[in-house]
Amino acid sequence: MVQAMVPRGVDTVIRASIDPAAGAALSFGLAGAPSQLLGDVAHRLVPATDRDVAEQIRSIRSAPLLFGWRGSQPVDSAALEELLLRVSRLVDDHPEVVGVDLEPVVVSPQGLSVLGASVRLARPPATTDLGPRRLPVY
């Protein structure tokens, strides 16, 4: 019933989790086959910057679906970037948040709708370093 009220758009997935070796990571991909079968998911370390999330959205192979592929309307990428930044900030500011799963996030030409969300809370894992971390660029 709720999905009937949501404007049409592109279904996406946003996740954040704690990796024991790298720390908190933010993941983004399209919902369904592109990310699940083809592994078309982009990851960034938390805290993410506005440049990080803009690049993250554009780095997946299926990104053209977000930006007007074959005459479709482009989605509200600014709203999507803002949501990724907010999830990054949530995980960075609250170490007891060890997992966030937003699926699907329907991104339309004007705004977005989060239709499913779960947050996992636990004692934060012990970390031995407190310095900034970056994923290697290949």
N, C-alpha and C. Protein backbone atom coordinates (compact mmCIF):
# COMPACT_ATOMS: atom_id res chain seq x y z
N MET A 1 0.81 -1.20 0.00
CA MET A 1 0.00 0.00 0.00
C MET A 1 0.86 1.26 0.00
N VAL A 2 1.95 1.25 0.76
CA VAL A 2 2.80 2.43 0.82
C VAL A 2 3.47 2.65 -0.53
N GLN A 3 3.94 1.56 -1.17
CA GLN A 3 4.62 1.71 -2.45
C GLN A 3 3.72 2.35 -3.49
N ALA A 4 2.41 2.16 -3.41
CA ALA A 4 1.50 2.76 -4.37
C ALA A 4 1.52 4.29 -4.26
N MET A 5 1.87 4.82 -3.09
CA MET A 5 1.88 6.27 -2.88
C MET A 5 3.23 6.90 -3.20
N VAL A 6 4.26 6.09 -3.41
CA VAL A 6 5.60 6.59 -3.66
C VAL A 6 5.75 6.89 -5.15
N PRO A 7 6.30 8.05 -5.49
CA PRO A 7 6.54 8.36 -6.91
C PRO A 7 7.48 7.33 -7.54
N ARG A 8 7.32 7.10 -8.83
CA ARG A 8 8.20 6.17 -9.54
C ARG A 8 9.62 6.71 -9.54
N GLY A 9 10.55 5.78 -9.49
CA GLY A 9 11.96 6.16 -9.48
C GLY A 9 12.83 4.95 -9.62
N VAL A 10 14.06 5.07 -9.20
CA VAL A 10 15.05 3.99 -9.27
C VAL A 10 15.24 3.45 -7.86
N ASP A 11 15.12 2.13 -7.71
CA ASP A 11 15.31 1.48 -6.41
C ASP A 11 16.80 1.31 -6.13
N THR A 12 17.22 1.79 -4.97
CA THR A 12 18.62 1.71 -4.58
C THR A 12 18.74 1.07 -3.20
N VAL A 13 19.96 0.77 -2.81
CA VAL A 13 20.26 0.18 -1.52
C VAL A 13 21.42 0.96 -0.89
N ILE A 14 21.25 1.31 0.38
CA ILE A 14 22.31 1.97 1.14
C ILE A 14 22.55 1.15 2.40
N ARG A 15 23.81 0.81 2.63
CA ARG A 15 24.16 0.03 3.82
C ARG A 15 25.39 0.64 4.48
N ALA A 16 25.48 0.47 5.78
CA ALA A 16 26.68 0.82 6.52
C ALA A 16 26.95 -0.33 7.48
N SER A 17 28.20 -0.70 7.60
CA SER A 17 28.57 -1.78 8.51
C SER A 17 29.98 -1.54 9.03
N ILE A 18 30.32 -2.27 10.07
CA ILE A 18 31.64 -2.15 10.68
C ILE A 18 32.50 -3.31 10.20
N ASP A 19 33.61 -2.99 9.58
CA ASP A 19 34.58 -3.99 9.17
C ASP A 19 35.70 -3.98 10.22
N PRO A 20 36.03 -5.14 10.79
CA PRO A 20 37.05 -5.14 11.85
C PRO A 20 38.40 -4.58 11.41
N ALA A 21 38.75 -4.74 10.15
CA ALA A 21 40.06 -4.28 9.68
C ALA A 21 40.05 -2.83 9.25
N ALA A 22 38.98 -2.39 8.59
CA ALA A 22 38.97 -1.05 8.01
C ALA A 22 38.14 -0.05 8.79
N GLY A 23 37.25 -0.51 9.63
CA GLY A 23 36.35 0.40 10.34
C GLY A 23 35.00 0.43 9.67
N ALA A 24 34.29 1.53 9.85
CA ALA A 24 32.94 1.65 9.29
C ALA A 24 33.01 1.90 7.79
N ALA A 25 32.15 1.21 7.06
CA ALA A 25 32.10 1.34 5.60
C ALA A 25 30.67 1.64 5.16
N LEU A 26 30.55 2.47 4.15
CA LEU A 26 29.28 2.87 3.57
C LEU A 26 29.18 2.24 2.19
N SER A 27 28.07 1.55 1.90
CA SER A 27 27.89 0.87 0.62
C SER A 27 26.68 1.42 -0.10
N PHE A 28 26.76 1.47 -1.44
CA PHE A 28 25.67 1.96 -2.27
C PHE A 28 25.59 1.15 -3.56
N GLY A 29 24.36 0.84 -3.96
CA GLY A 29 24.13 0.16 -5.24
C GLY A 29 22.66 0.24 -5.59
N LEU A 30 22.33 -0.24 -6.77
CA LEU A 30 20.93 -0.33 -7.15
C LEU A 30 20.36 -1.59 -6.52
N ALA A 31 19.07 -1.56 -6.22
CA ALA A 31 18.41 -2.73 -5.63
C ALA A 31 18.22 -3.79 -6.70
N GLY A 32 18.25 -5.04 -6.28
CA GLY A 32 17.97 -6.13 -7.20
C GLY A 32 19.21 -6.70 -7.85
N ALA A 33 19.02 -7.20 -9.07
CA ALA A 33 20.06 -7.93 -9.79
C ALA A 33 21.37 -7.17 -9.97
N PRO A 34 21.37 -5.88 -10.31
CA PRO A 34 22.67 -5.23 -10.54
C PRO A 34 23.64 -5.37 -9.37
N SER A 35 23.15 -5.16 -8.17
CA SER A 35 24.08 -5.23 -7.04
C SER A 35 24.24 -6.65 -6.52
N GLN A 36 23.18 -7.44 -6.53
CA GLN A 36 23.26 -8.78 -5.95
C GLN A 36 23.99 -9.77 -6.85
N LEU A 37 23.62 -9.82 -8.12
CA LEU A 37 24.22 -10.81 -9.02
C LEU A 37 25.55 -10.36 -9.60
N LEU A 38 25.66 -9.09 -9.90
CA LEU A 38 26.85 -8.59 -10.59
C LEU A 38 27.85 -7.92 -9.66
N GLY A 39 27.50 -7.78 -8.38
CA GLY A 39 28.41 -7.14 -7.43
C GLY A 39 28.65 -5.68 -7.73
N ASP A 40 27.65 -5.02 -8.31
CA ASP A 40 27.78 -3.62 -8.69
C ASP A 40 27.45 -2.73 -7.49
N VAL A 41 28.37 -2.70 -6.55
CA VAL A 41 28.22 -1.94 -5.32
C VAL A 41 29.49 -1.12 -5.10
N ALA A 42 29.31 0.11 -4.65
CA ALA A 42 30.46 0.98 -4.35
C ALA A 42 30.56 1.15 -2.84
N HIS A 43 31.78 1.15 -2.35
CA HIS A 43 32.03 1.26 -0.91
C HIS A 43 32.93 2.47 -0.64
N ARG A 44 32.68 3.12 0.49
CA ARG A 44 33.52 4.21 0.96
C ARG A 44 33.66 4.07 2.46
N LEU A 45 34.78 4.54 2.99
CA LEU A 45 34.98 4.53 4.43
C LEU A 45 34.27 5.72 5.07
N VAL A 46 33.84 5.51 6.30
CA VAL A 46 33.16 6.54 7.08
C VAL A 46 34.23 7.23 7.93
N PRO A 47 34.24 8.52 8.06
CA PRO A 47 33.24 9.47 7.58
C PRO A 47 33.45 9.80 6.10
N ALA A 48 32.36 9.87 5.38
CA ALA A 48 32.42 10.20 3.96
C ALA A 48 32.19 11.70 3.77
N THR A 49 32.83 12.25 2.77
CA THR A 49 32.65 13.66 2.44
C THR A 49 31.65 13.79 1.31
N ASP A 50 31.26 15.02 1.01
CA ASP A 50 30.33 15.23 -0.10
C ASP A 50 30.95 14.77 -1.41
N ARG A 51 32.24 14.95 -1.59
CA ARG A 51 32.92 14.47 -2.80
C ARG A 51 32.95 12.95 -2.84
N ASP A 52 33.15 12.32 -1.67
CA ASP A 52 33.16 10.85 -1.61
C ASP A 52 31.83 10.27 -2.10
N VAL A 53 30.72 10.80 -1.57
CA VAL A 53 29.42 10.21 -1.92
C VAL A 53 29.02 10.54 -3.35
N ALA A 54 29.40 11.72 -3.85
CA ALA A 54 29.10 12.05 -5.25
C ALA A 54 29.83 11.08 -6.17
N GLU A 55 31.09 10.80 -5.85
CA GLU A 55 31.87 9.84 -6.64
C GLU A 55 31.33 8.42 -6.47
N GLN A 56 30.91 8.08 -5.25
CA GLN A 56 30.38 6.75 -4.97
C GLN A 56 29.17 6.45 -5.84
N ILE A 57 28.24 7.39 -5.92
CA ILE A 57 27.03 7.21 -6.71
C ILE A 57 27.38 7.02 -8.19
N ARG A 58 28.33 7.77 -8.66
CA ARG A 58 28.69 7.73 -10.08
C ARG A 58 29.62 6.58 -10.44
N SER A 59 30.18 5.90 -9.45
CA SER A 59 31.18 4.87 -9.72
C SER A 59 30.59 3.49 -10.05
N ILE A 60 29.32 3.26 -9.73
CA ILE A 60 28.77 1.94 -10.05
C ILE A 60 28.52 1.85 -11.55
N ARG A 61 28.61 0.65 -12.08
CA ARG A 61 28.43 0.45 -13.53
C ARG A 61 27.01 0.79 -13.99
N SER A 62 26.04 0.65 -13.11
CA SER A 62 24.65 0.93 -13.48
C SER A 62 24.25 2.37 -13.20
N ALA A 63 25.19 3.26 -12.92
CA ALA A 63 24.91 4.67 -12.64
C ALA A 63 24.14 5.38 -13.74
N PRO A 64 24.32 5.05 -15.02
CA PRO A 64 23.54 5.75 -16.05
C PRO A 64 22.02 5.68 -15.82
N LEU A 65 21.55 4.65 -15.14
CA LEU A 65 20.11 4.56 -14.84
C LEU A 65 19.66 5.69 -13.92
N LEU A 66 20.59 6.26 -13.17
CA LEU A 66 20.26 7.36 -12.27
C LEU A 66 20.28 8.72 -12.96
N PHE A 67 20.96 8.81 -14.09
CA PHE A 67 21.21 10.10 -14.70
C PHE A 67 20.58 10.28 -16.08
N GLY A 68 19.46 9.60 -16.31
CA GLY A 68 18.71 9.83 -17.54
C GLY A 68 19.07 8.93 -18.69
N TRP A 69 19.30 7.67 -18.42
CA TRP A 69 19.66 6.71 -19.45
C TRP A 69 18.49 6.51 -20.42
N ARG A 70 18.79 6.58 -21.70
CA ARG A 70 17.81 6.37 -22.78
C ARG A 70 16.56 7.24 -22.63
N GLY A 71 16.77 8.48 -22.29
CA GLY A 71 15.66 9.42 -22.24
C GLY A 71 14.84 9.44 -20.97
N SER A 72 15.18 8.60 -19.99
CA SER A 72 14.45 8.64 -18.73
C SER A 72 14.84 9.90 -17.96
N GLN A 73 13.99 10.31 -17.04
CA GLN A 73 14.29 11.49 -16.24
C GLN A 73 15.39 11.19 -15.23
N PRO A 74 16.36 12.07 -15.06
CA PRO A 74 17.37 11.86 -14.03
C PRO A 74 16.75 11.94 -12.63
N VAL A 75 17.31 11.19 -11.71
CA VAL A 75 16.81 11.20 -10.34
C VAL A 75 17.42 12.37 -9.58
N ASP A 76 16.90 12.60 -8.40
CA ASP A 76 17.37 13.67 -7.52
C ASP A 76 18.67 13.21 -6.84
N SER A 77 19.79 13.37 -7.55
CA SER A 77 21.06 12.89 -7.01
C SER A 77 21.48 13.68 -5.78
N ALA A 78 21.07 14.93 -5.66
CA ALA A 78 21.41 15.72 -4.47
C ALA A 78 20.76 15.12 -3.22
N ALA A 79 19.51 14.68 -3.34
CA ALA A 79 18.84 14.04 -2.20
C ALA A 79 19.51 12.72 -1.84
N LEU A 80 19.93 11.97 -2.85
CA LEU A 80 20.62 10.70 -2.62
C LEU A 80 21.96 10.94 -1.94
N GLU A 81 22.70 11.93 -2.40
CA GLU A 81 23.98 12.26 -1.76
C GLU A 81 23.77 12.68 -0.30
N GLU A 82 22.74 13.46 -0.05
CA GLU A 82 22.44 13.91 1.31
C GLU A 82 22.13 12.72 2.23
N LEU A 83 21.37 11.76 1.73
CA LEU A 83 21.05 10.59 2.54
C LEU A 83 22.30 9.78 2.85
N LEU A 84 23.16 9.59 1.86
CA LEU A 84 24.42 8.88 2.11
C LEU A 84 25.26 9.60 3.16
N LEU A 85 25.34 10.92 3.08
CA LEU A 85 26.08 11.69 4.08
C LEU A 85 25.47 11.54 5.47
N ARG A 86 24.15 11.52 5.54
CA ARG A 86 23.49 11.38 6.85
C ARG A 86 23.74 10.01 7.46
N VAL A 87 23.72 8.96 6.64
CA VAL A 87 24.01 7.61 7.15
C VAL A 87 25.46 7.55 7.62
N SER A 88 26.36 8.12 6.84
CA SER A 88 27.76 8.17 7.24
C SER A 88 27.93 8.88 8.58
N ARG A 89 27.27 10.01 8.71
CA ARG A 89 27.36 10.79 9.96
C ARG A 89 26.77 10.02 11.14
N LEU A 90 25.64 9.34 10.91
CA LEU A 90 25.02 8.54 11.97
C LEU A 90 25.98 7.49 12.50
N VAL A 91 26.62 6.76 11.60
CA VAL A 91 27.53 5.69 12.01
C VAL A 91 28.79 6.27 12.65
N ASP A 92 29.26 7.39 12.13
CA ASP A 92 30.47 8.00 12.68
C ASP A 92 30.23 8.61 14.06
N ASP A 93 29.08 9.24 14.25
CA ASP A 93 28.79 9.91 15.52
C ASP A 93 28.34 8.96 16.63
N HIS A 94 27.82 7.79 16.25
CA HIS A 94 27.27 6.85 17.24
C HIS A 94 27.91 5.48 17.06
N PRO A 95 29.00 5.19 17.75
CA PRO A 95 29.70 3.92 17.57
C PRO A 95 28.86 2.69 17.93
N GLU A 96 27.78 2.89 18.67
CA GLU A 96 26.92 1.76 18.99
C GLU A 96 26.06 1.33 17.80
N VAL A 97 25.99 2.15 16.76
CA VAL A 97 25.30 1.78 15.52
C VAL A 97 26.30 0.97 14.70
N VAL A 98 26.12 -0.34 14.68
CA VAL A 98 27.07 -1.22 13.99
C VAL A 98 26.55 -1.67 12.63
N GLY A 99 25.34 -1.30 12.29
CA GLY A 99 24.82 -1.66 10.98
C GLY A 99 23.59 -0.86 10.63
N VAL A 100 23.51 -0.43 9.38
CA VAL A 100 22.34 0.27 8.85
C VAL A 100 22.03 -0.36 7.50
N ASP A 101 20.76 -0.66 7.26
CA ASP A 101 20.34 -1.25 6.00
C ASP A 101 19.08 -0.53 5.53
N LEU A 102 19.20 0.24 4.45
CA LEU A 102 18.07 0.95 3.86
C LEU A 102 17.79 0.33 2.50
N GLU A 103 16.68 -0.40 2.41
CA GLU A 103 16.34 -1.08 1.15
C GLU A 103 14.85 -1.34 1.07
N PRO A 104 14.23 -0.91 0.02
CA PRO A 104 14.71 -0.06 -1.04
C PRO A 104 14.59 1.41 -0.68
N VAL A 105 15.45 2.18 -1.29
CA VAL A 105 15.36 3.64 -1.27
C VAL A 105 14.98 4.02 -2.70
N VAL A 106 13.76 4.50 -2.88
CA VAL A 106 13.27 4.85 -4.21
C VAL A 106 13.63 6.32 -4.46
N VAL A 107 14.52 6.54 -5.43
CA VAL A 107 14.97 7.88 -5.76
C VAL A 107 14.23 8.32 -7.01
N SER A 108 13.45 9.38 -6.88
CA SER A 108 12.65 9.89 -7.99
C SER A 108 13.26 11.20 -8.50
N PRO A 109 12.69 11.78 -9.55
CA PRO A 109 13.22 13.05 -10.03
C PRO A 109 13.15 14.17 -8.98
N GLN A 110 12.21 14.10 -8.06
CA GLN A 110 12.14 15.08 -6.97
C GLN A 110 12.08 14.35 -5.63
N GLY A 111 13.22 14.11 -5.03
CA GLY A 111 13.27 13.52 -3.71
C GLY A 111 13.45 12.02 -3.73
N LEU A 112 13.32 11.44 -2.54
CA LEU A 112 13.45 10.00 -2.40
C LEU A 112 12.57 9.51 -1.26
N SER A 113 12.33 8.21 -1.24
CA SER A 113 11.52 7.58 -0.19
C SER A 113 12.24 6.33 0.29
N VAL A 114 12.44 6.23 1.61
CA VAL A 114 13.03 5.03 2.20
C VAL A 114 11.88 4.11 2.59
N LEU A 115 11.77 2.97 1.91
CA LEU A 115 10.64 2.07 2.16
C LEU A 115 10.96 0.98 3.17
N GLY A 116 12.22 0.69 3.37
CA GLY A 116 12.60 -0.32 4.36
C GLY A 116 13.87 0.11 5.05
N ALA A 117 13.89 0.00 6.38
CA ALA A 117 15.08 0.42 7.13
C ALA A 117 15.27 -0.47 8.34
N SER A 118 16.52 -0.80 8.60
CA SER A 118 16.85 -1.49 9.85
C SER A 118 18.19 -0.93 10.35
N VAL A 119 18.28 -0.84 11.67
CA VAL A 119 19.50 -0.35 12.32
C VAL A 119 19.87 -1.37 13.39
N ARG A 120 21.14 -1.80 13.39
CA ARG A 120 21.62 -2.75 14.39
C ARG A 120 22.48 -2.00 15.41
N LEU A 121 22.16 -2.21 16.68
CA LEU A 121 22.90 -1.59 17.78
C LEU A 121 23.63 -2.67 18.56
N ALA A 122 24.85 -2.37 18.96
CA ALA A 122 25.65 -3.29 19.77
C ALA A 122 26.79 -2.51 20.38
N ARG A 123 27.51 -3.16 21.26
CA ARG A 123 28.71 -2.52 21.78
C ARG A 123 29.67 -2.32 20.62
N PRO A 124 30.26 -1.14 20.54
CA PRO A 124 31.18 -0.91 19.42
C PRO A 124 32.39 -1.83 19.50
N PRO A 125 32.87 -2.32 18.36
CA PRO A 125 34.06 -3.17 18.39
C PRO A 125 35.28 -2.36 18.80
N ALA A 126 36.20 -3.01 19.47
CA ALA A 126 37.43 -2.34 19.90
C ALA A 126 38.28 -2.00 18.68
N THR A 127 38.81 -0.81 18.65
CA THR A 127 39.70 -0.41 17.56
C THR A 127 41.06 -0.07 18.15
N THR A 128 42.10 -0.44 17.43
CA THR A 128 43.45 -0.18 17.92
C THR A 128 44.01 1.12 17.37
N ASP A 129 43.48 1.59 16.24
CA ASP A 129 43.96 2.87 15.70
C ASP A 129 42.83 3.87 15.72
N LEU A 130 43.17 5.11 15.82
CA LEU A 130 42.17 6.16 15.84
C LEU A 130 42.35 7.12 14.67
N GLY A 131 43.26 6.78 13.76
CA GLY A 131 43.57 7.68 12.65
C GLY A 131 42.59 7.56 11.50
N PRO A 132 42.67 8.50 10.58
CA PRO A 132 41.81 8.45 9.40
C PRO A 132 42.21 7.26 8.53
N ARG A 133 41.22 6.69 7.86
CA ARG A 133 41.44 5.54 7.00
C ARG A 133 40.91 5.87 5.60
N ARG A 134 41.54 5.34 4.59
CA ARG A 134 41.10 5.52 3.20
C ARG A 134 41.17 4.17 2.50
N LEU A 135 40.24 3.93 1.61
CA LEU A 135 40.31 2.74 0.77
C LEU A 135 41.33 3.00 -0.32
N PRO A 136 42.10 1.99 -0.69
CA PRO A 136 43.06 2.20 -1.78
C PRO A 136 42.34 2.41 -3.11
N VAL A 137 42.91 3.24 -3.95
CA VAL A 137 42.35 3.50 -5.28
C VAL A 137 43.15 2.70 -6.28
N TYR A 138 42.46 1.89 -7.07
CA TYR A 138 43.13 1.04 -8.07
C TYR A 138 42.91 1.57 -9.45
